[in-house]
Structures are given as structure tokens and as C-alpha cells.
Amino acid sequence: MNWIILIVAGLCETGFTYCLGRAKYVTGTEWWLWMSGFLAFTILSMGLLAKATQTLPLGTAYPVWTGIGAVGTVLVGIFIFREPATFWRLFFIATLIASIIGLKTVS
């Protein structure tokens, strides 16, 4: 169950970076709404990470959490914010995914 909590925490990390990305294009009330989403996802992500580390090793949980957030953020950047999807970017994302799977396997 804590692995599921950790995955959701990583997805929430992607959520707060998405909100941050949207907030940089707007002003006024809309900026405050996106920043409220950023804050909510941040609190949820950190809380779920803390819950997951009650039973998972911190040295495994934290890198998996950041890896899920990093992969998710790059994918959001490519598919939503139209950032470039170069060979090297995709190559290193693939190695990051392989590292996350490796950490899960040995824990």
C-alpha cells in the first residue's frame, strides 16, 4: 500500500510543477488560483511522502518520489508546454525510469 501512496505523492509533485508552469503565463486572480493549486499539491505530495516513509526506506522512497516527479514533469513539459522532445532528453528520461524500477526491485 505504501508504494501506491508513494506513486500518488510523485504524481502530486508533477501536479505542483504543472500549476507552477501555468502560473507563469497568467496574472491577477488566475495567478492566485494556480498558485493555490501549487500549494495544495505541494502539501499533499509532502504529506504522502512522509506517510510512505513510515514503512519504506527513506533512501529508496525519496529518490523514487523525485524520479516520478521528474519524469512526470518532463512529460508534462513535452506534451502540454510543447518543450522539445530531443533524443537525449528521451534517452535520459528512459534511464531515470530504469533507475526507479531498479530501486523498487531491490527494496
PDB file of N, CA and C in Angstrom:
ATOM      1  N   MET A   1       0.823  -1.202   0.000  1.00  0.00           N
ATOM      2  CA  MET A   1       0.000   0.000   0.000  1.00  0.00           C
ATOM      3  C   MET A   1       0.864   1.263   0.000  1.00  0.00           C
ATOM      4  N   ASN A   2       1.987   1.243   0.734  1.00  0.00           N
ATOM      5  CA  ASN A   2       2.819   2.445   0.787  1.00  0.00           C
ATOM      6  C   ASN A   2       3.491   2.759  -0.550  1.00  0.00           C
ATOM      7  N   TRP A   3       3.680   1.745  -1.410  1.00  0.00           N
ATOM      8  CA  TRP A   3       4.207   2.032  -2.741  1.00  0.00           C
ATOM      9  C   TRP A   3       3.176   2.809  -3.556  1.00  0.00           C
ATOM     10  N   ILE A   4       1.909   2.487  -3.379  1.00  0.00           N
ATOM     11  CA  ILE A   4       0.852   3.235  -4.074  1.00  0.00           C
ATOM     12  C   ILE A   4       0.817   4.669  -3.561  1.00  0.00           C
ATOM     13  N   ILE A   5       0.924   4.834  -2.253  1.00  0.00           N
ATOM     14  CA  ILE A   5       0.962   6.177  -1.662  1.00  0.00           C
ATOM     15  C   ILE A   5       2.147   6.961  -2.228  1.00  0.00           C
ATOM     16  N   LEU A   6       3.287   6.296  -2.348  1.00  0.00           N
ATOM     17  CA  LEU A   6       4.483   6.957  -2.881  1.00  0.00           C
ATOM     18  C   LEU A   6       4.292   7.359  -4.341  1.00  0.00           C
ATOM     19  N   ILE A   7       3.672   6.514  -5.134  1.00  0.00           N
ATOM     20  CA  ILE A   7       3.407   6.852  -6.542  1.00  0.00           C
ATOM     21  C   ILE A   7       2.463   8.046  -6.635  1.00  0.00           C
ATOM     22  N   VAL A   8       1.424   8.059  -5.819  1.00  0.00           N
ATOM     23  CA  VAL A   8       0.495   9.201  -5.816  1.00  0.00           C
ATOM     24  C   VAL A   8       1.223  10.468  -5.387  1.00  0.00           C
ATOM     25  N   ALA A   9       2.113  10.350  -4.399  1.00  0.00           N
ATOM     26  CA  ALA A   9       2.910  11.507  -3.961  1.00  0.00           C
ATOM     27  C   ALA A   9       3.761  12.043  -5.110  1.00  0.00           C
ATOM     28  N   GLY A  10       4.375  11.141  -5.889  1.00  0.00           N
ATOM     29  CA  GLY A  10       5.162  11.567  -7.041  1.00  0.00           C
ATOM     30  C   GLY A  10       4.309  12.234  -8.107  1.00  0.00           C
ATOM     31  N   LEU A  11       3.095  11.716  -8.320  1.00  0.00           N
ATOM     32  CA  LEU A  11       2.186  12.345  -9.278  1.00  0.00           C
ATOM     33  C   LEU A  11       1.738  13.728  -8.798  1.00  0.00           C
ATOM     34  N   CYS A  12       1.580  13.867  -7.471  1.00  0.00           N
ATOM     35  CA  CYS A  12       1.261  15.194  -6.919  1.00  0.00           C
ATOM     36  C   CYS A  12       2.418  16.165  -7.130  1.00  0.00           C
ATOM     37  N   GLU A  13       3.633  15.652  -7.104  1.00  0.00           N
ATOM     38  CA  GLU A  13       4.788  16.509  -7.403  1.00  0.00           C
ATOM     39  C   GLU A  13       4.696  17.015  -8.843  1.00  0.00           C
ATOM     40  N   THR A  14       4.306  16.136  -9.744  1.00  0.00           N
ATOM     41  CA  THR A  14       4.088  16.564 -11.126  1.00  0.00           C
ATOM     42  C   THR A  14       2.964  17.594 -11.181  1.00  0.00           C
ATOM     43  N   GLY A  15       1.934  17.395 -10.373  1.00  0.00           N
ATOM     44  CA  GLY A  15       0.823  18.349 -10.321  1.00  0.00           C
ATOM     45  C   GLY A  15       1.255  19.728  -9.880  1.00  0.00           C
ATOM     46  N   PHE A  16       2.127  19.802  -8.865  1.00  0.00           N
ATOM     47  CA  PHE A  16       2.529  21.143  -8.434  1.00  0.00           C
ATOM     48  C   PHE A  16       3.447  21.821  -9.434  1.00  0.00           C
ATOM     49  N   THR A  17       4.228  21.052 -10.166  1.00  0.00           N
ATOM     50  CA  THR A  17       5.050  21.704 -11.199  1.00  0.00           C
ATOM     51  C   THR A  17       4.191  22.154 -12.382  1.00  0.00           C
ATOM     52  N   TYR A  18       3.126  21.395 -12.681  1.00  0.00           N
ATOM     53  CA  TYR A  18       2.189  21.819 -13.733  1.00  0.00           C
ATOM     54  C   TYR A  18       1.546  23.158 -13.353  1.00  0.00           C
ATOM     55  N   CYS A  19       1.073  23.256 -12.105  1.00  0.00           N
ATOM     56  CA  CYS A  19       0.462  24.510 -11.645  1.00  0.00           C
ATOM     57  C   CYS A  19       1.460  25.662 -11.722  1.00  0.00           C
ATOM     58  N   LEU A  20       2.697  25.398 -11.350  1.00  0.00           N
ATOM     59  CA  LEU A  20       3.732  26.424 -11.421  1.00  0.00           C
ATOM     60  C   LEU A  20       3.960  26.865 -12.863  1.00  0.00           C
ATOM     61  N   GLY A  21       3.971  25.889 -13.775  1.00  0.00           N
ATOM     62  CA  GLY A  21       4.138  26.213 -15.192  1.00  0.00           C
ATOM     63  C   GLY A  21       2.994  27.053 -15.734  1.00  0.00           C
ATOM     64  N   ARG A  22       1.783  26.752 -15.327  1.00  0.00           N
ATOM     65  CA  ARG A  22       0.623  27.533 -15.771  1.00  0.00           C
ATOM     66  C   ARG A  22       0.630  28.944 -15.170  1.00  0.00           C
ATOM     67  N   ALA A  23       1.061  29.034 -13.921  1.00  0.00           N
ATOM     68  CA  ALA A  23       1.045  30.327 -13.230  1.00  0.00           C
ATOM     69  C   ALA A  23       1.973  31.341 -13.883  1.00  0.00           C
ATOM     70  N   LYS A  24       3.017  30.877 -14.551  1.00  0.00           N
ATOM     71  CA  LYS A  24       3.955  31.846 -15.124  1.00  0.00           C
ATOM     72  C   LYS A  24       3.398  32.555 -16.359  1.00  0.00           C
ATOM     73  N   TYR A  25       2.272  32.065 -16.897  1.00  0.00           N
ATOM     74  CA  TYR A  25       1.681  32.677 -18.089  1.00  0.00           C
ATOM     75  C   TYR A  25       0.491  33.583 -17.794  1.00  0.00           C
ATOM     76  N   VAL A  26       0.099  33.701 -16.529  1.00  0.00           N
ATOM     77  CA  VAL A  26      -1.104  34.466 -16.190  1.00  0.00           C
ATOM     78  C   VAL A  26      -0.799  35.492 -15.097  1.00  0.00           C
ATOM     79  N   THR A  27      -1.750  36.360 -14.866  1.00  0.00           N
ATOM     80  CA  THR A  27      -1.612  37.372 -13.815  1.00  0.00           C
ATOM     81  C   THR A  27      -2.925  37.477 -13.051  1.00  0.00           C
ATOM     82  N   GLY A  28      -2.903  38.249 -11.998  1.00  0.00           N
ATOM     83  CA  GLY A  28      -4.115  38.553 -11.246  1.00  0.00           C
ATOM     84  C   GLY A  28      -4.704  37.355 -10.521  1.00  0.00           C
ATOM     85  N   THR A  29      -6.032  37.277 -10.555  1.00  0.00           N
ATOM     86  CA  THR A  29      -6.755  36.230  -9.847  1.00  0.00           C
ATOM     87  C   THR A  29      -6.381  34.846 -10.360  1.00  0.00           C
ATOM     88  N   GLU A  30      -6.205  34.710 -11.659  1.00  0.00           N
ATOM     89  CA  GLU A  30      -5.848  33.405 -12.214  1.00  0.00           C
ATOM     90  C   GLU A  30      -4.487  32.928 -11.685  1.00  0.00           C
ATOM     91  N   TRP A  31      -3.545  33.870 -11.522  1.00  0.00           N
ATOM     92  CA  TRP A  31      -2.242  33.515 -10.941  1.00  0.00           C
ATOM     93  C   TRP A  31      -2.433  32.968  -9.531  1.00  0.00           C
ATOM     94  N   TRP A  32      -3.269  33.633  -8.742  1.00  0.00           N
ATOM     95  CA  TRP A  32      -3.510  33.185  -7.374  1.00  0.00           C
ATOM     96  C   TRP A  32      -4.160  31.808  -7.344  1.00  0.00           C
ATOM     97  N   LEU A  33      -5.043  31.521  -8.293  1.00  0.00           N
ATOM     98  CA  LEU A  33      -5.671  30.206  -8.348  1.00  0.00           C
ATOM     99  C   LEU A  33      -4.655  29.112  -8.668  1.00  0.00           C
ATOM    100  N   TRP A  34      -3.798  29.359  -9.657  1.00  0.00           N
ATOM    101  CA  TRP A  34      -2.773  28.364  -9.998  1.00  0.00           C
ATOM    102  C   TRP A  34      -1.793  28.185  -8.847  1.00  0.00           C
ATOM    103  N   MET A  35      -1.454  29.268  -8.160  1.00  0.00           N
ATOM    104  CA  MET A  35      -0.540  29.148  -7.025  1.00  0.00           C
ATOM    105  C   MET A  35      -1.204  28.439  -5.845  1.00  0.00           C
ATOM    106  N   SER A  36      -2.511  28.574  -5.697  1.00  0.00           N
ATOM    107  CA  SER A  36      -3.234  27.818  -4.675  1.00  0.00           C
ATOM    108  C   SER A  36      -3.182  26.327  -4.993  1.00  0.00           C
ATOM    109  N   GLY A  37      -3.332  25.982  -6.267  1.00  0.00           N
ATOM    110  CA  GLY A  37      -3.184  24.596  -6.690  1.00  0.00           C
ATOM    111  C   GLY A  37      -1.781  24.090  -6.423  1.00  0.00           C
ATOM    112  N   PHE A  38      -0.793  24.934  -6.709  1.00  0.00           N
ATOM    113  CA  PHE A  38       0.608  24.597  -6.434  1.00  0.00           C
ATOM    114  C   PHE A  38       0.781  24.272  -4.956  1.00  0.00           C
ATOM    115  N   LEU A  39       0.261  25.129  -4.093  1.00  0.00           N
ATOM    116  CA  LEU A  39       0.394  24.934  -2.651  1.00  0.00           C
ATOM    117  C   LEU A  39      -0.324  23.659  -2.188  1.00  0.00           C
ATOM    118  N   ALA A  40      -1.523  23.432  -2.701  1.00  0.00           N
ATOM    119  CA  ALA A  40      -2.287  22.239  -2.313  1.00  0.00           C
ATOM    120  C   ALA A  40      -1.561  20.967  -2.740  1.00  0.00           C
ATOM    121  N   PHE A  41      -1.075  20.920  -3.990  1.00  0.00           N
ATOM    122  CA  PHE A  41      -0.347  19.739  -4.455  1.00  0.00           C
ATOM    123  C   PHE A  41       0.955  19.549  -3.686  1.00  0.00           C
ATOM    124  N   THR A  42       1.615  20.638  -3.332  1.00  0.00           N
ATOM    125  CA  THR A  42       2.862  20.538  -2.573  1.00  0.00           C
ATOM    126  C   THR A  42       2.616  19.925  -1.201  1.00  0.00           C
ATOM    127  N   ILE A  43       1.607  20.422  -0.504  1.00  0.00           N
ATOM    128  CA  ILE A  43       1.287  19.902   0.822  1.00  0.00           C
ATOM    129  C   ILE A  43       0.881  18.426   0.737  1.00  0.00           C
ATOM    130  N   LEU A  44       0.046  18.102  -0.246  1.00  0.00           N
ATOM    131  CA  LEU A  44      -0.392  16.716  -0.417  1.00  0.00           C
ATOM    132  C   LEU A  44       0.784  15.803  -0.751  1.00  0.00           C
ATOM    133  N   SER A  45       1.642  16.258  -1.647  1.00  0.00           N
ATOM    134  CA  SER A  45       2.796  15.461  -2.047  1.00  0.00           C
ATOM    135  C   SER A  45       3.733  15.198  -0.878  1.00  0.00           C
ATOM    136  N   MET A  46       4.048  16.236  -0.123  1.00  0.00           N
ATOM    137  CA  MET A  46       4.946  16.079   1.024  1.00  0.00           C
ATOM    138  C   MET A  46       4.311  15.213   2.108  1.00  0.00           C
ATOM    139  N   GLY A  47       3.024  15.393   2.355  1.00  0.00           N
ATOM    140  CA  GLY A  47       2.340  14.590   3.361  1.00  0.00           C
ATOM    141  C   GLY A  47       2.318  13.110   2.991  1.00  0.00           C
ATOM    142  N   LEU A  48       2.037  12.820   1.724  1.00  0.00           N
ATOM    143  CA  LEU A  48       2.032  11.431   1.275  1.00  0.00           C
ATOM    144  C   LEU A  48       3.443  10.830   1.303  1.00  0.00           C
ATOM    145  N   LEU A  49       4.440  11.629   0.949  1.00  0.00           N
ATOM    146  CA  LEU A  49       5.824  11.144   1.046  1.00  0.00           C
ATOM    147  C   LEU A  49       6.166  10.794   2.487  1.00  0.00           C
ATOM    148  N   ALA A  50       5.788  11.650   3.414  1.00  0.00           N
ATOM    149  CA  ALA A  50       6.049  11.386   4.834  1.00  0.00           C
ATOM    150  C   ALA A  50       5.347  10.116   5.287  1.00  0.00           C
ATOM    151  N   LYS A  51       4.114   9.914   4.833  1.00  0.00           N
ATOM    152  CA  LYS A  51       3.371   8.699   5.181  1.00  0.00           C
ATOM    153  C   LYS A  51       4.064   7.459   4.620  1.00  0.00           C
ATOM    154  N   ALA A  52       4.507   7.529   3.365  1.00  0.00           N
ATOM    155  CA  ALA A  52       5.157   6.379   2.731  1.00  0.00           C
ATOM    156  C   ALA A  52       6.465   6.021   3.420  1.00  0.00           C
ATOM    157  N   THR A  53       7.184   7.014   3.915  1.00  0.00           N
ATOM    158  CA  THR A  53       8.483   6.734   4.543  1.00  0.00           C
ATOM    159  C   THR A  53       8.352   6.147   5.943  1.00  0.00           C
ATOM    160  N   GLN A  54       7.134   6.016   6.435  1.00  0.00           N
ATOM    161  CA  GLN A  54       6.953   5.353   7.727  1.00  0.00           C
ATOM    162  C   GLN A  54       7.299   3.874   7.641  1.00  0.00           C
ATOM    163  N   THR A  55       7.140   3.284   6.448  1.00  0.00           N
ATOM    164  CA  THR A  55       7.461   1.864   6.295  1.00  0.00           C
ATOM    165  C   THR A  55       8.494   1.598   5.200  1.00  0.00           C
ATOM    166  N   LEU A  56       8.645   2.508   4.248  1.00  0.00           N
ATOM    167  CA  LEU A  56       9.638   2.324   3.189  1.00  0.00           C
ATOM    168  C   LEU A  56      10.942   2.994   3.591  1.00  0.00           C
ATOM    169  N   PRO A  57      12.074   2.451   3.171  1.00  0.00           N
ATOM    170  CA  PRO A  57      13.353   3.101   3.479  1.00  0.00           C
ATOM    171  C   PRO A  57      13.423   4.492   2.835  1.00  0.00           C
ATOM    172  N   LEU A  58      13.853   5.470   3.596  1.00  0.00           N
ATOM    173  CA  LEU A  58      13.958   6.839   3.091  1.00  0.00           C
ATOM    174  C   LEU A  58      14.888   6.916   1.886  1.00  0.00           C
ATOM    175  N   GLY A  59      15.972   6.158   1.921  1.00  0.00           N
ATOM    176  CA  GLY A  59      16.937   6.161   0.818  1.00  0.00           C
ATOM    177  C   GLY A  59      16.382   5.604  -0.469  1.00  0.00           C
ATOM    178  N   THR A  60      15.275   4.893  -0.403  1.00  0.00           N
ATOM    179  CA  THR A  60      14.587   4.405  -1.597  1.00  0.00           C
ATOM    180  C   THR A  60      13.403   5.298  -1.935  1.00  0.00           C
ATOM    181  N   ALA A  61      12.603   5.633  -0.933  1.00  0.00           N
ATOM    182  CA  ALA A  61      11.372   6.392  -1.165  1.00  0.00           C
ATOM    183  C   ALA A  61      11.640   7.770  -1.770  1.00  0.00           C
ATOM    184  N   TYR A  62      12.612   8.482  -1.231  1.00  0.00           N
ATOM    185  CA  TYR A  62      12.870   9.841  -1.718  1.00  0.00           C
ATOM    186  C   TYR A  62      13.329   9.856  -3.181  1.00  0.00           C
ATOM    187  N   PRO A  63      14.306   9.033  -3.576  1.00  0.00           N
ATOM    188  CA  PRO A  63      14.681   9.039  -4.993  1.00  0.00           C
ATOM    189  C   PRO A  63      13.550   8.593  -5.924  1.00  0.00           C
ATOM    190  N   VAL A  64      12.740   7.632  -5.494  1.00  0.00           N
ATOM    191  CA  VAL A  64      11.612   7.210  -6.327  1.00  0.00           C
ATOM    192  C   VAL A  64      10.616   8.355  -6.460  1.00  0.00           C
ATOM    193  N   TRP A  65      10.325   9.035  -5.367  1.00  0.00           N
ATOM    194  CA  TRP A  65       9.401  10.184  -5.378  1.00  0.00           C
ATOM    195  C   TRP A  65       9.903  11.284  -6.314  1.00  0.00           C
ATOM    196  N   THR A  66      11.168  11.649  -6.180  1.00  0.00           N
ATOM    197  CA  THR A  66      11.702  12.697  -7.046  1.00  0.00           C
ATOM    198  C   THR A  66      11.785  12.227  -8.498  1.00  0.00           C
ATOM    199  N   GLY A  67      12.073  10.946  -8.699  1.00  0.00           N
ATOM    200  CA  GLY A  67      12.136  10.417 -10.059  1.00  0.00           C
ATOM    201  C   GLY A  67      10.785  10.447 -10.744  1.00  0.00           C
ATOM    202  N   ILE A  68       9.734  10.037 -10.029  1.00  0.00           N
ATOM    203  CA  ILE A  68       8.388  10.099 -10.596  1.00  0.00           C
ATOM    204  C   ILE A  68       8.033  11.541 -10.922  1.00  0.00           C
ATOM    205  N   GLY A  69       8.349  12.440 -10.005  1.00  0.00           N
ATOM    206  CA  GLY A  69       8.074  13.861 -10.257  1.00  0.00           C
ATOM    207  C   GLY A  69       8.858  14.401 -11.433  1.00  0.00           C
ATOM    208  N   ALA A  70      10.110  14.003 -11.549  1.00  0.00           N
ATOM    209  CA  ALA A  70      10.953  14.488 -12.650  1.00  0.00           C
ATOM    210  C   ALA A  70      10.465  13.953 -13.992  1.00  0.00           C
ATOM    211  N   VAL A  71      10.180  12.661 -14.057  1.00  0.00           N
ATOM    212  CA  VAL A  71       9.687  12.073 -15.307  1.00  0.00           C
ATOM    213  C   VAL A  71       8.341  12.700 -15.677  1.00  0.00           C
ATOM    214  N   GLY A  72       7.455  12.796 -14.704  1.00  0.00           N
ATOM    215  CA  GLY A  72       6.146  13.401 -14.964  1.00  0.00           C
ATOM    216  C   GLY A  72       6.250  14.840 -15.423  1.00  0.00           C
ATOM    217  N   THR A  73       7.149  15.591 -14.809  1.00  0.00           N
ATOM    218  CA  THR A  73       7.320  16.995 -15.187  1.00  0.00           C
ATOM    219  C   THR A  73       7.872  17.135 -16.598  1.00  0.00           C
ATOM    220  N   VAL A  74       8.824  16.295 -16.962  1.00  0.00           N
ATOM    221  CA  VAL A  74       9.360  16.339 -18.328  1.00  0.00           C
ATOM    222  C   VAL A  74       8.270  15.981 -19.335  1.00  0.00           C
ATOM    223  N   LEU A  75       7.470  14.962 -19.016  1.00  0.00           N
ATOM    224  CA  LEU A  75       6.397  14.574 -19.928  1.00  0.00           C
ATOM    225  C   LEU A  75       5.331  15.663 -20.050  1.00  0.00           C
ATOM    226  N   VAL A  76       4.992  16.302 -18.941  1.00  0.00           N
ATOM    227  CA  VAL A  76       4.060  17.433 -18.995  1.00  0.00           C
ATOM    228  C   VAL A  76       4.664  18.555 -19.834  1.00  0.00           C
ATOM    229  N   GLY A  77       5.951  18.799 -19.659  1.00  0.00           N
ATOM    230  CA  GLY A  77       6.618  19.835 -20.459  1.00  0.00           C
ATOM    231  C   GLY A  77       6.558  19.533 -21.945  1.00  0.00           C
ATOM    232  N   ILE A  78       6.762  18.281 -22.293  1.00  0.00           N
ATOM    233  CA  ILE A  78       6.748  17.903 -23.712  1.00  0.00           C
ATOM    234  C   ILE A  78       5.337  17.947 -24.281  1.00  0.00           C
ATOM    235  N   PHE A  79       4.378  17.324 -23.585  1.00  0.00           N
ATOM    236  CA  PHE A  79       3.036  17.175 -24.144  1.00  0.00           C
ATOM    237  C   PHE A  79       2.123  18.380 -23.936  1.00  0.00           C
ATOM    238  N   ILE A  80       2.313  19.137 -22.870  1.00  0.00           N
ATOM    239  CA  ILE A  80       1.423  20.264 -22.598  1.00  0.00           C
ATOM    240  C   ILE A  80       2.081  21.604 -22.906  1.00  0.00           C
ATOM    241  N   PHE A  81       3.334  21.780 -22.480  1.00  0.00           N
ATOM    242  CA  PHE A  81       4.005  23.057 -22.682  1.00  0.00           C
ATOM    243  C   PHE A  81       4.840  23.097 -23.960  1.00  0.00           C
ATOM    244  N   ARG A  82       4.783  22.027 -24.735  1.00  0.00           N
ATOM    245  CA  ARG A  82       5.438  21.928 -26.045  1.00  0.00           C
ATOM    246  C   ARG A  82       6.950  22.181 -25.994  1.00  0.00           C
ATOM    247  N   GLU A  83       7.574  21.623 -24.982  1.00  0.00           N
ATOM    248  CA  GLU A  83       9.025  21.678 -24.901  1.00  0.00           C
ATOM    249  C   GLU A  83       9.604  20.631 -25.843  1.00  0.00           C
ATOM    250  N   PRO A  84      10.843  20.794 -26.267  1.00  0.00           N
ATOM    251  CA  PRO A  84      11.406  19.859 -27.256  1.00  0.00           C
ATOM    252  C   PRO A  84      11.569  18.440 -26.691  1.00  0.00           C
ATOM    253  N   ALA A  85      11.315  17.462 -27.548  1.00  0.00           N
ATOM    254  CA  ALA A  85      11.482  16.047 -27.191  1.00  0.00           C
ATOM    255  C   ALA A  85      12.664  15.497 -27.975  1.00  0.00           C
ATOM    256  N   THR A  86      13.859  15.922 -27.602  1.00  0.00           N
ATOM    257  CA  THR A  86      15.060  15.504 -28.314  1.00  0.00           C
ATOM    258  C   THR A  86      15.445  14.077 -27.931  1.00  0.00           C
ATOM    259  N   PHE A  87      16.280  13.472 -28.738  1.00  0.00           N
ATOM    260  CA  PHE A  87      16.749  12.115 -28.468  1.00  0.00           C
ATOM    261  C   PHE A  87      17.370  12.017 -27.080  1.00  0.00           C
ATOM    262  N   TRP A  88      18.262  12.934 -26.742  1.00  0.00           N
ATOM    263  CA  TRP A  88      18.977  12.850 -25.465  1.00  0.00           C
ATOM    264  C   TRP A  88      18.047  13.049 -24.280  1.00  0.00           C
ATOM    265  N   ARG A  89      17.074  13.910 -24.414  1.00  0.00           N
ATOM    266  CA  ARG A  89      16.102  14.098 -23.336  1.00  0.00           C
ATOM    267  C   ARG A  89      15.340  12.810 -23.073  1.00  0.00           C
ATOM    268  N   LEU A  90      14.859  12.195 -24.140  1.00  0.00           N
ATOM    269  CA  LEU A  90      14.115  10.948 -24.007  1.00  0.00           C
ATOM    270  C   LEU A  90      15.016   9.812 -23.515  1.00  0.00           C
ATOM    271  N   PHE A  91      16.256   9.796 -23.955  1.00  0.00           N
ATOM    272  CA  PHE A  91      17.215   8.780 -23.503  1.00  0.00           C
ATOM    273  C   PHE A  91      17.423   8.862 -21.995  1.00  0.00           C
ATOM    274  N   PHE A  92      17.660  10.067 -21.497  1.00  0.00           N
ATOM    275  CA  PHE A  92      17.922  10.205 -20.064  1.00  0.00           C
ATOM    276  C   PHE A  92      16.664  10.015 -19.223  1.00  0.00           C
ATOM    277  N   ILE A  93      15.504  10.339 -19.761  1.00  0.00           N
ATOM    278  CA  ILE A  93      14.256  10.022 -19.060  1.00  0.00           C
ATOM    279  C   ILE A  93      14.105   8.502 -18.957  1.00  0.00           C
ATOM    280  N   ALA A  94      14.440   7.794 -20.031  1.00  0.00           N
ATOM    281  CA  ALA A  94      14.367   6.325 -20.007  1.00  0.00           C
ATOM    282  C   ALA A  94      15.322   5.748 -18.962  1.00  0.00           C
ATOM    283  N   THR A  95      16.517   6.319 -18.842  1.00  0.00           N
ATOM    284  CA  THR A  95      17.452   5.821 -17.823  1.00  0.00           C
ATOM    285  C   THR A  95      16.940   6.130 -16.411  1.00  0.00           C
ATOM    286  N   LEU A  96      16.266   7.261 -16.260  1.00  0.00           N
ATOM    287  CA  LEU A  96      15.690   7.599 -14.964  1.00  0.00           C
ATOM    288  C   LEU A  96      14.578   6.616 -14.603  1.00  0.00           C
ATOM    289  N   ILE A  97      13.735   6.276 -15.566  1.00  0.00           N
ATOM    290  CA  ILE A  97      12.675   5.296 -15.326  1.00  0.00           C
ATOM    291  C   ILE A  97      13.287   3.945 -14.955  1.00  0.00           C
ATOM    292  N   ALA A  98      14.332   3.545 -15.663  1.00  0.00           N
ATOM    293  CA  ALA A  98      15.005   2.279 -15.348  1.00  0.00           C
ATOM    294  C   ALA A  98      15.579   2.313 -13.929  1.00  0.00           C
ATOM    295  N   SER A  99      16.091   3.445 -13.507  1.00  0.00           N
ATOM    296  CA  SER A  99      16.633   3.574 -12.139  1.00  0.00           C
ATOM    297  C   SER A  99      15.523   3.470 -11.106  1.00  0.00           C
ATOM    298  N   ILE A 100      14.379   4.070 -11.373  1.00  0.00           N
ATOM    299  CA  ILE A 100      13.240   3.980 -10.436  1.00  0.00           C
ATOM    300  C   ILE A 100      12.810   2.518 -10.304  1.00  0.00           C
ATOM    301  N   ILE A 101      12.685   1.837 -11.427  1.00  0.00           N
ATOM    302  CA  ILE A 101      12.300   0.421 -11.399  1.00  0.00           C
ATOM    303  C   ILE A 101      13.353  -0.390 -10.647  1.00  0.00           C
ATOM    304  N   GLY A 102      14.624  -0.076 -10.863  1.00  0.00           N
ATOM    305  CA  GLY A 102      15.697  -0.777 -10.170  1.00  0.00           C
ATOM    306  C   GLY A 102      15.610  -0.586  -8.656  1.00  0.00           C
ATOM    307  N   LEU A 103      15.362   0.636  -8.214  1.00  0.00           N
ATOM    308  CA  LEU A 103      15.232   0.890  -6.772  1.00  0.00           C
ATOM    309  C   LEU A 103      14.042   0.134  -6.180  1.00  0.00           C
ATOM    310  N   LYS A 104      12.947   0.109  -6.917  1.00  0.00           N
ATOM    311  CA  LYS A 104      11.775  -0.628  -6.448  1.00  0.00           C
ATOM    312  C   LYS A 104      12.083  -2.116  -6.352  1.00  0.00           C
ATOM    313  N   THR A 105      12.810  -2.627  -7.315  1.00  0.00           N
ATOM    314  CA  THR A 105      13.129  -4.049  -7.355  1.00  0.00           C
ATOM    315  C   THR A 105      14.014  -4.489  -6.188  1.00  0.00           C
ATOM    316  N   VAL A 106      14.983  -3.670  -5.837  1.00  0.00           N
ATOM    317  CA  VAL A 106      15.913  -4.069  -4.772  1.00  0.00           C
ATOM    318  C   VAL A 106      15.430  -3.708  -3.375  1.00  0.00           C
ATOM    319  N   SER A 107      14.305  -3.028  -3.257  1.00  0.00           N
ATOM    320  CA  SER A 107      13.817  -2.631  -1.919  1.00  0.00           C
ATOM    321  C   SER A 107      12.778  -3.591  -1.398  1.00  0.00           C
TER     322      SER A 107
END
